[in-house]
Amino acid sequence: AGWKIEVTKSKLAKPLELHGEQITEAVSKVTWTAATKDSGI
């Protein structure tokens, strides 16, 4: 509550395998931004 969340993904140089599936991209960054000027820390 009070935070906007943005998940950034990037292409992988080498694919990963997860539960039998090939993963070609992964999360490289997560950004939390206060929704209002009063909702930060």
PDB file of all heavy atoms in Angstrom:
ATOM      1  N   ALA A   1       0.840  -1.195   0.000  1.00  0.00           N
ATOM      2  CA  ALA A   1       0.000   0.000   0.000  1.00  0.00           C
ATOM      3  C   ALA A   1       0.876   1.247   0.000  1.00  0.00           C
ATOM      4  O   ALA A   1       1.863   1.332   0.729  1.00  0.00           O
ATOM      5  CB  ALA A   1      -0.907  -0.004   1.232  1.00  0.00           C
ATOM      6  N   GLY A   2       0.531   2.215  -0.853  1.00  0.00           N
ATOM      7  CA  GLY A   2       1.275   3.472  -0.916  1.00  0.00           C
ATOM      8  C   GLY A   2       2.474   3.449  -1.835  1.00  0.00           C
ATOM      9  O   GLY A   2       3.188   4.455  -1.931  1.00  0.00           O
ATOM     10  N   TRP A   3       2.697   2.316  -2.529  1.00  0.00           N
ATOM     11  CA  TRP A   3       3.862   2.208  -3.415  1.00  0.00           C
ATOM     12  C   TRP A   3       3.448   1.676  -4.782  1.00  0.00           C
ATOM     13  O   TRP A   3       2.642   0.745  -4.885  1.00  0.00           O
ATOM     14  CB  TRP A   3       4.927   1.290  -2.817  1.00  0.00           C
ATOM     15  CG  TRP A   3       5.563   1.822  -1.580  1.00  0.00           C
ATOM     16  CD1 TRP A   3       5.127   1.630  -0.293  1.00  0.00           C
ATOM     17  CD2 TRP A   3       6.721   2.652  -1.493  1.00  0.00           C
ATOM     18  NE1 TRP A   3       5.957   2.282   0.588  1.00  0.00           N
ATOM     19  CE2 TRP A   3       6.946   2.923  -0.108  1.00  0.00           C
ATOM     20  CE3 TRP A   3       7.603   3.186  -2.431  1.00  0.00           C
ATOM     21  CZ2 TRP A   3       8.007   3.704   0.328  1.00  0.00           C
ATOM     22  CZ3 TRP A   3       8.658   3.967  -1.995  1.00  0.00           C
ATOM     23  CH2 TRP A   3       8.860   4.218  -0.624  1.00  0.00           C
ATOM     24  N   LYS A   4       4.011   2.267  -5.830  1.00  0.00           N
ATOM     25  CA  LYS A   4       3.866   1.755  -7.182  1.00  0.00           C
ATOM     26  C   LYS A   4       5.074   0.871  -7.482  1.00  0.00           C
ATOM     27  O   LYS A   4       6.210   1.253  -7.198  1.00  0.00           O
ATOM     28  CB  LYS A   4       3.795   2.901  -8.194  1.00  0.00           C
ATOM     29  CG  LYS A   4       2.596   3.825  -8.012  1.00  0.00           C
ATOM     30  CD  LYS A   4       2.634   4.973  -9.023  1.00  0.00           C
ATOM     31  CE  LYS A   4       1.468   5.925  -8.824  1.00  0.00           C
ATOM     32  NZ  LYS A   4       1.529   7.070  -9.779  1.00  0.00           N
ATOM     33  N   ILE A   5       4.833  -0.308  -8.035  1.00  0.00           N
ATOM     34  CA  ILE A   5       5.915  -1.268  -8.272  1.00  0.00           C
ATOM     35  C   ILE A   5       6.059  -1.527  -9.759  1.00  0.00           C
ATOM     36  O   ILE A   5       5.085  -1.810 -10.457  1.00  0.00           O
ATOM     37  CB  ILE A   5       5.643  -2.596  -7.530  1.00  0.00           C
ATOM     38  CG1 ILE A   5       5.407  -2.332  -6.045  1.00  0.00           C
ATOM     39  CG2 ILE A   5       6.807  -3.556  -7.721  1.00  0.00           C
ATOM     40  CD1 ILE A   5       5.013  -3.569  -5.268  1.00  0.00           C
ATOM     41  N   GLU A   6       7.292  -1.433 -10.234  1.00  0.00           N
ATOM     42  CA  GLU A   6       7.599  -1.695 -11.646  1.00  0.00           C
ATOM     43  C   GLU A   6       8.673  -2.776 -11.736  1.00  0.00           C
ATOM     44  O   GLU A   6       9.724  -2.679 -11.096  1.00  0.00           O
ATOM     45  CB  GLU A   6       8.092  -0.425 -12.340  1.00  0.00           C
ATOM     46  CG  GLU A   6       8.409  -0.627 -13.817  1.00  0.00           C
ATOM     47  CD  GLU A   6       8.946   0.637 -14.477  1.00  0.00           C
ATOM     48  OE1 GLU A   6       9.041   1.672 -13.781  1.00  0.00           O
ATOM     49  OE2 GLU A   6       9.290   0.583 -15.666  1.00  0.00           O
ATOM     50  N   VAL A   7       8.370  -3.813 -12.506  1.00  0.00           N
ATOM     51  CA  VAL A   7       9.302  -4.925 -12.693  1.00  0.00           C
ATOM     52  C   VAL A   7       9.895  -4.832 -14.088  1.00  0.00           C
ATOM     53  O   VAL A   7       9.159  -4.818 -15.086  1.00  0.00           O
ATOM     54  CB  VAL A   7       8.592  -6.279 -12.493  1.00  0.00           C
ATOM     55  CG1 VAL A   7       9.560  -7.430 -12.745  1.00  0.00           C
ATOM     56  CG2 VAL A   7       8.001  -6.374 -11.089  1.00  0.00           C
ATOM     57  N   THR A   8      11.218  -4.773 -14.173  1.00  0.00           N
ATOM     58  CA  THR A   8      11.921  -4.659 -15.454  1.00  0.00           C
ATOM     59  C   THR A   8      12.605  -5.973 -15.787  1.00  0.00           C
ATOM     60  O   THR A   8      13.321  -6.535 -14.950  1.00  0.00           O
ATOM     61  CB  THR A   8      12.974  -3.537 -15.407  1.00  0.00           C
ATOM     62  OG1 THR A   8      12.341  -2.306 -15.047  1.00  0.00           O
ATOM     63  CG2 THR A   8      13.658  -3.381 -16.755  1.00  0.00           C
ATOM     64  N   LYS A   9      12.383  -6.462 -17.019  1.00  0.00           N
ATOM     65  CA  LYS A   9      13.002  -7.713 -17.460  1.00  0.00           C
ATOM     66  C   LYS A   9      14.008  -7.434 -18.572  1.00  0.00           C
ATOM     67  O   LYS A   9      13.882  -6.460 -19.312  1.00  0.00           O
ATOM     68  CB  LYS A   9      11.945  -8.693 -17.963  1.00  0.00           C
ATOM     69  CG  LYS A   9      10.994  -9.191 -16.876  1.00  0.00           C
ATOM     70  CD  LYS A   9      10.035 -10.232 -17.435  1.00  0.00           C
ATOM     71  CE  LYS A   9       9.126 -10.771 -16.348  1.00  0.00           C
ATOM     72  NZ  LYS A   9       8.204 -11.815 -16.873  1.00  0.00           N
ATOM     73  N   SER A  10      14.990  -8.333 -18.671  1.00  0.00           N
ATOM     74  CA  SER A  10      16.019  -8.200 -19.710  1.00  0.00           C
ATOM     75  C   SER A  10      16.271  -9.561 -20.343  1.00  0.00           C
ATOM     76  O   SER A  10      16.065 -10.613 -19.707  1.00  0.00           O
ATOM     77  CB  SER A  10      17.319  -7.643 -19.118  1.00  0.00           C
ATOM     78  OG  SER A  10      17.112  -6.365 -18.549  1.00  0.00           O
ATOM     79  N   LYS A  11      16.724  -9.529 -21.591  1.00  0.00           N
ATOM     80  CA  LYS A  11      17.054 -10.766 -22.292  1.00  0.00           C
ATOM     81  C   LYS A  11      18.290 -11.417 -21.674  1.00  0.00           C
ATOM     82  O   LYS A  11      19.217 -10.737 -21.246  1.00  0.00           O
ATOM     83  CB  LYS A  11      17.316 -10.482 -23.774  1.00  0.00           C
ATOM     84  CG  LYS A  11      16.079 -10.086 -24.563  1.00  0.00           C
ATOM     85  CD  LYS A  11      15.147 -11.278 -24.764  1.00  0.00           C
ATOM     86  CE  LYS A  11      13.956 -10.889 -25.629  1.00  0.00           C
ATOM     87  NZ  LYS A  11      13.051 -12.040 -25.861  1.00  0.00           N
ATOM     88  N   LEU A  12      18.276 -12.736 -21.614  1.00  0.00           N
ATOM     89  CA  LEU A  12      19.408 -13.472 -21.050  1.00  0.00           C
ATOM     90  C   LEU A  12      20.371 -13.889 -22.156  1.00  0.00           C
ATOM     91  O   LEU A  12      19.947 -14.290 -23.252  1.00  0.00           O
ATOM     92  CB  LEU A  12      18.912 -14.722 -20.310  1.00  0.00           C
ATOM     93  CG  LEU A  12      18.021 -14.482 -19.091  1.00  0.00           C
ATOM     94  CD1 LEU A  12      17.521 -15.807 -18.543  1.00  0.00           C
ATOM     95  CD2 LEU A  12      18.798 -13.720 -18.016  1.00  0.00           C
ATOM     96  N   ALA A  13      21.643 -13.799 -21.853  1.00  0.00           N
ATOM     97  CA  ALA A  13      22.648 -14.252 -22.816  1.00  0.00           C
ATOM     98  C   ALA A  13      22.578 -15.770 -22.984  1.00  0.00           C
ATOM     99  O   ALA A  13      22.785 -16.305 -24.079  1.00  0.00           O
ATOM    100  CB  ALA A  13      24.040 -13.835 -22.345  1.00  0.00           C
ATOM    101  N   LYS A  14      22.245 -16.458 -21.872  1.00  0.00           N
ATOM    102  CA  LYS A  14      22.102 -17.906 -21.893  1.00  0.00           C
ATOM    103  C   LYS A  14      20.769 -18.251 -21.250  1.00  0.00           C
ATOM    104  O   LYS A  14      20.536 -17.921 -20.089  1.00  0.00           O
ATOM    105  CB  LYS A  14      23.258 -18.573 -21.141  1.00  0.00           C
ATOM    106  CG  LYS A  14      23.194 -20.084 -21.150  1.00  0.00           C
ATOM    107  CD  LYS A  14      24.371 -20.669 -20.388  1.00  0.00           C
ATOM    108  CE  LYS A  14      24.305 -22.192 -20.375  1.00  0.00           C
ATOM    109  NZ  LYS A  14      25.438 -22.788 -19.608  1.00  0.00           N
ATOM    110  N   PRO A  15      19.859 -18.927 -21.977  1.00  0.00           N
ATOM    111  CA  PRO A  15      18.535 -19.247 -21.432  1.00  0.00           C
ATOM    112  C   PRO A  15      18.629 -20.117 -20.173  1.00  0.00           C
ATOM    113  O   PRO A  15      19.551 -20.913 -20.005  1.00  0.00           O
ATOM    114  CB  PRO A  15      17.849 -20.006 -22.572  1.00  0.00           C
ATOM    115  CG  PRO A  15      18.577 -19.583 -23.802  1.00  0.00           C
ATOM    116  CD  PRO A  15      19.998 -19.366 -23.379  1.00  0.00           C
ATOM    117  N   LEU A  16      17.639 -19.952 -19.299  1.00  0.00           N
ATOM    118  CA  LEU A  16      17.534 -20.767 -18.100  1.00  0.00           C
ATOM    119  C   LEU A  16      16.431 -21.798 -18.289  1.00  0.00           C
ATOM    120  O   LEU A  16      15.522 -21.622 -19.112  1.00  0.00           O
ATOM    121  CB  LEU A  16      17.213 -19.902 -16.881  1.00  0.00           C
ATOM    122  CG  LEU A  16      18.250 -18.861 -16.459  1.00  0.00           C
ATOM    123  CD1 LEU A  16      17.675 -18.020 -15.323  1.00  0.00           C
ATOM    124  CD2 LEU A  16      19.547 -19.525 -16.020  1.00  0.00           C
ATOM    125  N   GLU A  17      16.506 -22.879 -17.514  1.00  0.00           N
ATOM    126  CA  GLU A  17      15.449 -23.892 -17.563  1.00  0.00           C
ATOM    127  C   GLU A  17      14.722 -23.898 -16.233  1.00  0.00           C
ATOM    128  O   GLU A  17      15.328 -24.015 -15.168  1.00  0.00           O
ATOM    129  CB  GLU A  17      16.029 -25.271 -17.852  1.00  0.00           C
ATOM    130  CG  GLU A  17      14.943 -26.332 -18.029  1.00  0.00           C
ATOM    131  CD  GLU A  17      15.495 -27.667 -18.502  1.00  0.00           C
ATOM    132  OE1 GLU A  17      16.613 -27.682 -19.058  1.00  0.00           O
ATOM    133  OE2 GLU A  17      14.814 -28.679 -18.313  1.00  0.00           O
ATOM    134  N   LEU A  18      13.391 -23.754 -16.276  1.00  0.00           N
ATOM    135  CA  LEU A  18      12.577 -23.735 -15.064  1.00  0.00           C
ATOM    136  C   LEU A  18      11.361 -24.622 -15.284  1.00  0.00           C
ATOM    137  O   LEU A  18      10.537 -24.362 -16.162  1.00  0.00           O
ATOM    138  CB  LEU A  18      12.129 -22.301 -14.734  1.00  0.00           C
ATOM    139  CG  LEU A  18      11.249 -22.137 -13.491  1.00  0.00           C
ATOM    140  CD1 LEU A  18      12.042 -22.503 -12.235  1.00  0.00           C
ATOM    141  CD2 LEU A  18      10.737 -20.714 -13.390  1.00  0.00           C
ATOM    142  N   HIS A  19      11.278 -25.691 -14.479  1.00  0.00           N
ATOM    143  CA  HIS A  19      10.164 -26.648 -14.575  1.00  0.00           C
ATOM    144  C   HIS A  19       9.995 -27.173 -16.001  1.00  0.00           C
ATOM    145  O   HIS A  19       8.884 -27.299 -16.515  1.00  0.00           O
ATOM    146  CB  HIS A  19       8.862 -25.996 -14.103  1.00  0.00           C
ATOM    147  CG  HIS A  19       8.936 -25.431 -12.724  1.00  0.00           C
ATOM    148  ND1 HIS A  19       9.405 -26.167 -11.643  1.00  0.00           N
ATOM    149  CD2 HIS A  19       8.618 -24.202 -12.250  1.00  0.00           C
ATOM    150  CE1 HIS A  19       9.354 -25.415 -10.549  1.00  0.00           C
ATOM    151  NE2 HIS A  19       8.906 -24.214 -10.891  1.00  0.00           N
ATOM    152  N   GLY A  20      11.135 -27.446 -16.641  1.00  0.00           N
ATOM    153  CA  GLY A  20      11.097 -28.025 -17.972  1.00  0.00           C
ATOM    154  C   GLY A  20      10.908 -27.031 -19.097  1.00  0.00           C
ATOM    155  O   GLY A  20      10.824 -27.430 -20.264  1.00  0.00           O
ATOM    156  N   GLU A  21      10.847 -25.743 -18.795  1.00  0.00           N
ATOM    157  CA  GLU A  21      10.654 -24.727 -19.823  1.00  0.00           C
ATOM    158  C   GLU A  21      11.897 -23.849 -19.955  1.00  0.00           C
ATOM    159  O   GLU A  21      12.589 -23.592 -18.965  1.00  0.00           O
ATOM    160  CB  GLU A  21       9.438 -23.851 -19.500  1.00  0.00           C
ATOM    161  CG  GLU A  21       8.114 -24.607 -19.485  1.00  0.00           C
ATOM    162  CD  GLU A  21       6.944 -23.691 -19.229  1.00  0.00           C
ATOM    163  OE1 GLU A  21       7.180 -22.472 -19.093  1.00  0.00           O
ATOM    164  OE2 GLU A  21       5.803 -24.173 -19.152  1.00  0.00           O
ATOM    165  N   GLN A  22      12.147 -23.383 -21.166  1.00  0.00           N
ATOM    166  CA  GLN A  22      13.275 -22.507 -21.422  1.00  0.00           C
ATOM    167  C   GLN A  22      12.874 -21.048 -21.124  1.00  0.00           C
ATOM    168  O   GLN A  22      11.886 -20.549 -21.657  1.00  0.00           O
ATOM    169  CB  GLN A  22      13.727 -22.628 -22.880  1.00  0.00           C
ATOM    170  CG  GLN A  22      14.387 -23.956 -23.212  1.00  0.00           C
ATOM    171  CD  GLN A  22      15.755 -24.103 -22.571  1.00  0.00           C
ATOM    172  OE1 GLN A  22      16.517 -23.132 -22.491  1.00  0.00           O
ATOM    173  NE2 GLN A  22      16.083 -25.304 -22.129  1.00  0.00           N
ATOM    174  N   ILE A  23      13.659 -20.390 -20.277  1.00  0.00           N
ATOM    175  CA  ILE A  23      13.409 -19.006 -19.917  1.00  0.00           C
ATOM    176  C   ILE A  23      14.454 -18.144 -20.626  1.00  0.00           C
ATOM    177  O   ILE A  23      15.656 -18.324 -20.433  1.00  0.00           O
ATOM    178  CB  ILE A  23      13.496 -18.782 -18.396  1.00  0.00           C
ATOM    179  CG1 ILE A  23      12.568 -19.763 -17.667  1.00  0.00           C
ATOM    180  CG2 ILE A  23      13.157 -17.351 -18.050  1.00  0.00           C
ATOM    181  CD1 ILE A  23      11.115 -19.606 -18.010  1.00  0.00           C
ATOM    182  N   THR A  24      13.992 -17.233 -21.478  1.00  0.00           N
ATOM    183  CA  THR A  24      14.917 -16.414 -22.272  1.00  0.00           C
ATOM    184  C   THR A  24      15.107 -15.008 -21.704  1.00  0.00           C
ATOM    185  O   THR A  24      15.943 -14.266 -22.200  1.00  0.00           O
ATOM    186  CB  THR A  24      14.415 -16.300 -23.724  1.00  0.00           C
ATOM    187  OG1 THR A  24      13.106 -15.712 -23.726  1.00  0.00           O
ATOM    188  CG2 THR A  24      14.353 -17.680 -24.375  1.00  0.00           C
ATOM    189  N   GLU A  25      14.332 -14.642 -20.697  1.00  0.00           N
ATOM    190  CA  GLU A  25      14.492 -13.349 -20.057  1.00  0.00           C
ATOM    191  C   GLU A  25      14.243 -13.480 -18.560  1.00  0.00           C
ATOM    192  O   GLU A  25      13.580 -14.420 -18.107  1.00  0.00           O
ATOM    193  CB  GLU A  25      13.542 -12.304 -20.660  1.00  0.00           C
ATOM    194  CG  GLU A  25      12.074 -12.630 -20.482  1.00  0.00           C
ATOM    195  CD  GLU A  25      11.180 -11.549 -21.072  1.00  0.00           C
ATOM    196  OE1 GLU A  25      11.696 -10.681 -21.797  1.00  0.00           O
ATOM    197  OE2 GLU A  25       9.965 -11.571 -20.790  1.00  0.00           O
ATOM    198  N   ALA A  26      14.814 -12.556 -17.811  1.00  0.00           N
ATOM    199  CA  ALA A  26      14.680 -12.593 -16.357  1.00  0.00           C
ATOM    200  C   ALA A  26      14.579 -11.168 -15.827  1.00  0.00           C
ATOM    201  O   ALA A  26      14.949 -10.201 -16.519  1.00  0.00           O
ATOM    202  CB  ALA A  26      15.869 -13.312 -15.711  1.00  0.00           C
ATOM    203  N   VAL A  27      14.078 -11.051 -14.604  1.00  0.00           N
ATOM    204  CA  VAL A  27      13.940  -9.735 -13.982  1.00  0.00           C
ATOM    205  C   VAL A  27      15.323  -9.175 -13.685  1.00  0.00           C
ATOM    206  O   VAL A  27      16.151  -9.823 -13.050  1.00  0.00           O
ATOM    207  CB  VAL A  27      13.102  -9.827 -12.696  1.00  0.00           C
ATOM    208  CG1 VAL A  27      13.118  -8.495 -11.954  1.00  0.00           C
ATOM    209  CG2 VAL A  27      11.666 -10.225 -13.030  1.00  0.00           C
ATOM    210  N   SER A  28      15.574  -7.964 -14.145  1.00  0.00           N
ATOM    211  CA  SER A  28      16.855  -7.310 -13.911  1.00  0.00           C
ATOM    212  C   SER A  28      16.749  -6.194 -12.870  1.00  0.00           C
ATOM    213  O   SER A  28      17.749  -5.796 -12.287  1.00  0.00           O
ATOM    214  CB  SER A  28      17.411  -6.733 -15.215  1.00  0.00           C
ATOM    215  OG  SER A  28      16.471  -5.836 -15.802  1.00  0.00           O
ATOM    216  N   LYS A  29      15.511  -5.693 -12.651  1.00  0.00           N
ATOM    217  CA  LYS A  29      15.346  -4.605 -11.690  1.00  0.00           C
ATOM    218  C   LYS A  29      13.899  -4.531 -11.217  1.00  0.00           C
ATOM    219  O   LYS A  29      12.978  -4.780 -11.986  1.00  0.00           O
ATOM    220  CB  LYS A  29      15.762  -3.272 -12.317  1.00  0.00           C
ATOM    221  CG  LYS A  29      15.667  -2.082 -11.376  1.00  0.00           C
ATOM    222  CD  LYS A  29      16.267  -0.815 -11.999  1.00  0.00           C
ATOM    223  CE  LYS A  29      15.464  -0.334 -13.181  1.00  0.00           C
ATOM    224  NZ  LYS A  29      15.963   0.972 -13.693  1.00  0.00           N
ATOM    225  N   VAL A  30      13.748  -4.189  -9.939  1.00  0.00           N
ATOM    226  CA  VAL A  30      12.424  -3.893  -9.389  1.00  0.00           C
ATOM    227  C   VAL A  30      12.489  -2.492  -8.772  1.00  0.00           C
ATOM    228  O   VAL A  30      13.425  -2.185  -8.025  1.00  0.00           O
ATOM    229  CB  VAL A  30      11.989  -4.920  -8.321  1.00  0.00           C
ATOM    230  CG1 VAL A  30      10.639  -4.525  -7.719  1.00  0.00           C
ATOM    231  CG2 VAL A  30      11.912  -6.319  -8.923  1.00  0.00           C
ATOM    232  N   THR A  31      11.510  -1.668  -9.109  1.00  0.00           N
ATOM    233  CA  THR A  31      11.496  -0.282  -8.644  1.00  0.00           C
ATOM    234  C   THR A  31      10.214   0.001  -7.866  1.00  0.00           C
ATOM    235  O   THR A  31       9.114  -0.284  -8.354  1.00  0.00           O
ATOM    236  CB  THR A  31      11.581   0.702  -9.830  1.00  0.00           C
ATOM    237  OG1 THR A  31      12.750   0.403 -10.608  1.00  0.00           O
ATOM    238  CG2 THR A  31      11.654   2.140  -9.336  1.00  0.00           C
ATOM    239  N   TRP A  32      10.380   0.529  -6.671  1.00  0.00           N
ATOM    240  CA  TRP A  32       9.255   0.949  -5.843  1.00  0.00           C
ATOM    241  C   TRP A  32       9.246   2.486  -5.803  1.00  0.00           C
ATOM    242  O   TRP A  32      10.249   3.103  -5.447  1.00  0.00           O
ATOM    243  CB  TRP A  32       9.372   0.422  -4.429  1.00  0.00           C
ATOM    244  CG  TRP A  32       9.213  -1.062  -4.275  1.00  0.00           C
ATOM    245  CD1 TRP A  32       8.075  -1.743  -3.955  1.00  0.00           C
ATOM    246  CD2 TRP A  32      10.242  -2.062  -4.399  1.00  0.00           C
ATOM    247  NE1 TRP A  32       8.322  -3.095  -3.881  1.00  0.00           N
ATOM    248  CE2 TRP A  32       9.645  -3.323  -4.147  1.00  0.00           C
ATOM    249  CE3 TRP A  32      11.608  -2.004  -4.715  1.00  0.00           C
ATOM    250  CZ2 TRP A  32      10.372  -4.501  -4.194  1.00  0.00           C
ATOM    251  CZ3 TRP A  32      12.324  -3.184  -4.766  1.00  0.00           C
ATOM    252  CH2 TRP A  32      11.713  -4.415  -4.504  1.00  0.00           C
ATOM    253  N   THR A  33       8.125   3.094  -6.142  1.00  0.00           N
ATOM    254  CA  THR A  33       7.992   4.552  -6.126  1.00  0.00           C
ATOM    255  C   THR A  33       6.796   4.933  -5.267  1.00  0.00           C
ATOM    256  O   THR A  33       5.698   4.358  -5.429  1.00  0.00           O
ATOM    257  CB  THR A  33       7.798   5.105  -7.549  1.00  0.00           C
ATOM    258  OG1 THR A  33       8.884   4.646  -8.390  1.00  0.00           O
ATOM    259  CG2 THR A  33       7.784   6.622  -7.533  1.00  0.00           C
ATOM    260  N   ALA A  34       6.998   5.872  -4.355  1.00  0.00           N
ATOM    261  CA  ALA A  34       5.908   6.303  -3.485  1.00  0.00           C
ATOM    262  C   ALA A  34       4.763   6.853  -4.315  1.00  0.00           C
ATOM    263  O   ALA A  34       4.966   7.674  -5.221  1.00  0.00           O
ATOM    264  CB  ALA A  34       6.409   7.350  -2.492  1.00  0.00           C
ATOM    265  N   ALA A  35       3.547   6.402  -4.020  1.00  0.00           N
ATOM    266  CA  ALA A  35       2.387   6.814  -4.799  1.00  0.00           C
ATOM    267  C   ALA A  35       2.059   8.289  -4.596  1.00  0.00           C
ATOM    268  O   ALA A  35       1.603   8.965  -5.517  1.00  0.00           O
ATOM    269  CB  ALA A  35       1.176   5.956  -4.430  1.00  0.00           C
ATOM    270  N   THR A  36       2.302   8.784  -3.394  1.00  0.00           N
ATOM    271  CA  THR A  36       2.075  10.206  -3.094  1.00  0.00           C
ATOM    272  C   THR A  36       3.250  10.732  -2.293  1.00  0.00           C
ATOM    273  O   THR A  36       4.100   9.958  -1.828  1.00  0.00           O
ATOM    274  CB  THR A  36       0.784  10.402  -2.282  1.00  0.00           C
ATOM    275  OG1 THR A  36       0.930   9.779  -0.988  1.00  0.00           O
ATOM    276  CG2 THR A  36      -0.415   9.778  -2.997  1.00  0.00           C
ATOM    277  N   LYS A  37       3.294  12.017  -2.099  1.00  0.00           N
ATOM    278  CA  LYS A  37       4.402  12.618  -1.354  1.00  0.00           C
ATOM    279  C   LYS A  37       4.383  12.244   0.119  1.00  0.00           C
ATOM    280  O   LYS A  37       5.388  12.389   0.813  1.00  0.00           O
ATOM    281  CB  LYS A  37       4.370  14.141  -1.504  1.00  0.00           C
ATOM    282  CG  LYS A  37       3.120  14.794  -0.913  1.00  0.00           C
ATOM    283  CD  LYS A  37       3.162  16.302  -1.068  1.00  0.00           C
ATOM    284  CE  LYS A  37       1.926  16.956  -0.455  1.00  0.00           C
ATOM    285  NZ  LYS A  37       1.980  18.444  -0.590  1.00  0.00           N
ATOM    286  N   ASP A  38       3.232  11.761   0.593  1.00  0.00           N
ATOM    287  CA  ASP A  38       3.114  11.387   2.003  1.00  0.00           C
ATOM    288  C   ASP A  38       3.205   9.883   2.237  1.00  0.00           C
ATOM    289  O   ASP A  38       3.108   9.422   3.380  1.00  0.00           O
ATOM    290  CB  ASP A  38       1.778  11.891   2.571  1.00  0.00           C
ATOM    291  CG  ASP A  38       1.663  13.411   2.509  1.00  0.00           C
ATOM    292  OD1 ASP A  38       2.694  14.077   2.711  1.00  0.00           O
ATOM    293  OD2 ASP A  38       0.545  13.910   2.255  1.00  0.00           O
ATOM    294  N   SER A  39       3.381   9.090   1.166  1.00  0.00           N
ATOM    295  CA  SER A  39       3.367   7.633   1.316  1.00  0.00           C
ATOM    296  C   SER A  39       4.758   7.007   1.311  1.00  0.00           C
ATOM    297  O   SER A  39       4.884   5.791   1.293  1.00  0.00           O
ATOM    298  CB  SER A  39       2.526   7.004   0.195  1.00  0.00           C
ATOM    299  OG  SER A  39       3.065   7.323  -1.075  1.00  0.00           O
ATOM    300  N   GLY A  40       5.812   7.817   1.309  1.00  0.00           N
ATOM    301  CA  GLY A  40       7.166   7.273   1.362  1.00  0.00           C
ATOM    302  C   GLY A  40       7.561   6.904   2.782  1.00  0.00           C
ATOM    303  O   GLY A  40       6.732   6.832   3.696  1.00  0.00           O
ATOM    304  N   ILE A  41       8.847   6.655   2.978  1.00  0.00           N
ATOM    305  CA  ILE A  41       9.373   6.342   4.311  1.00  0.00           C
ATOM    306  C   ILE A  41       9.754   7.657   4.987  1.00  0.00           C
ATOM    307  O   ILE A  41      10.661   8.351   4.546  1.00  0.00           O
ATOM    308  CB  ILE A  41      10.597   5.412   4.215  1.00  0.00           C
ATOM    309  CG1 ILE A  41      10.280   4.176   3.370  1.00  0.00           C
ATOM    310  CG2 ILE A  41      11.047   4.985   5.610  1.00  0.00           C
ATOM    311  CD1 ILE A  41      11.470   3.293   3.118  1.00  0.00           C
TER     312      ILE A  41
END
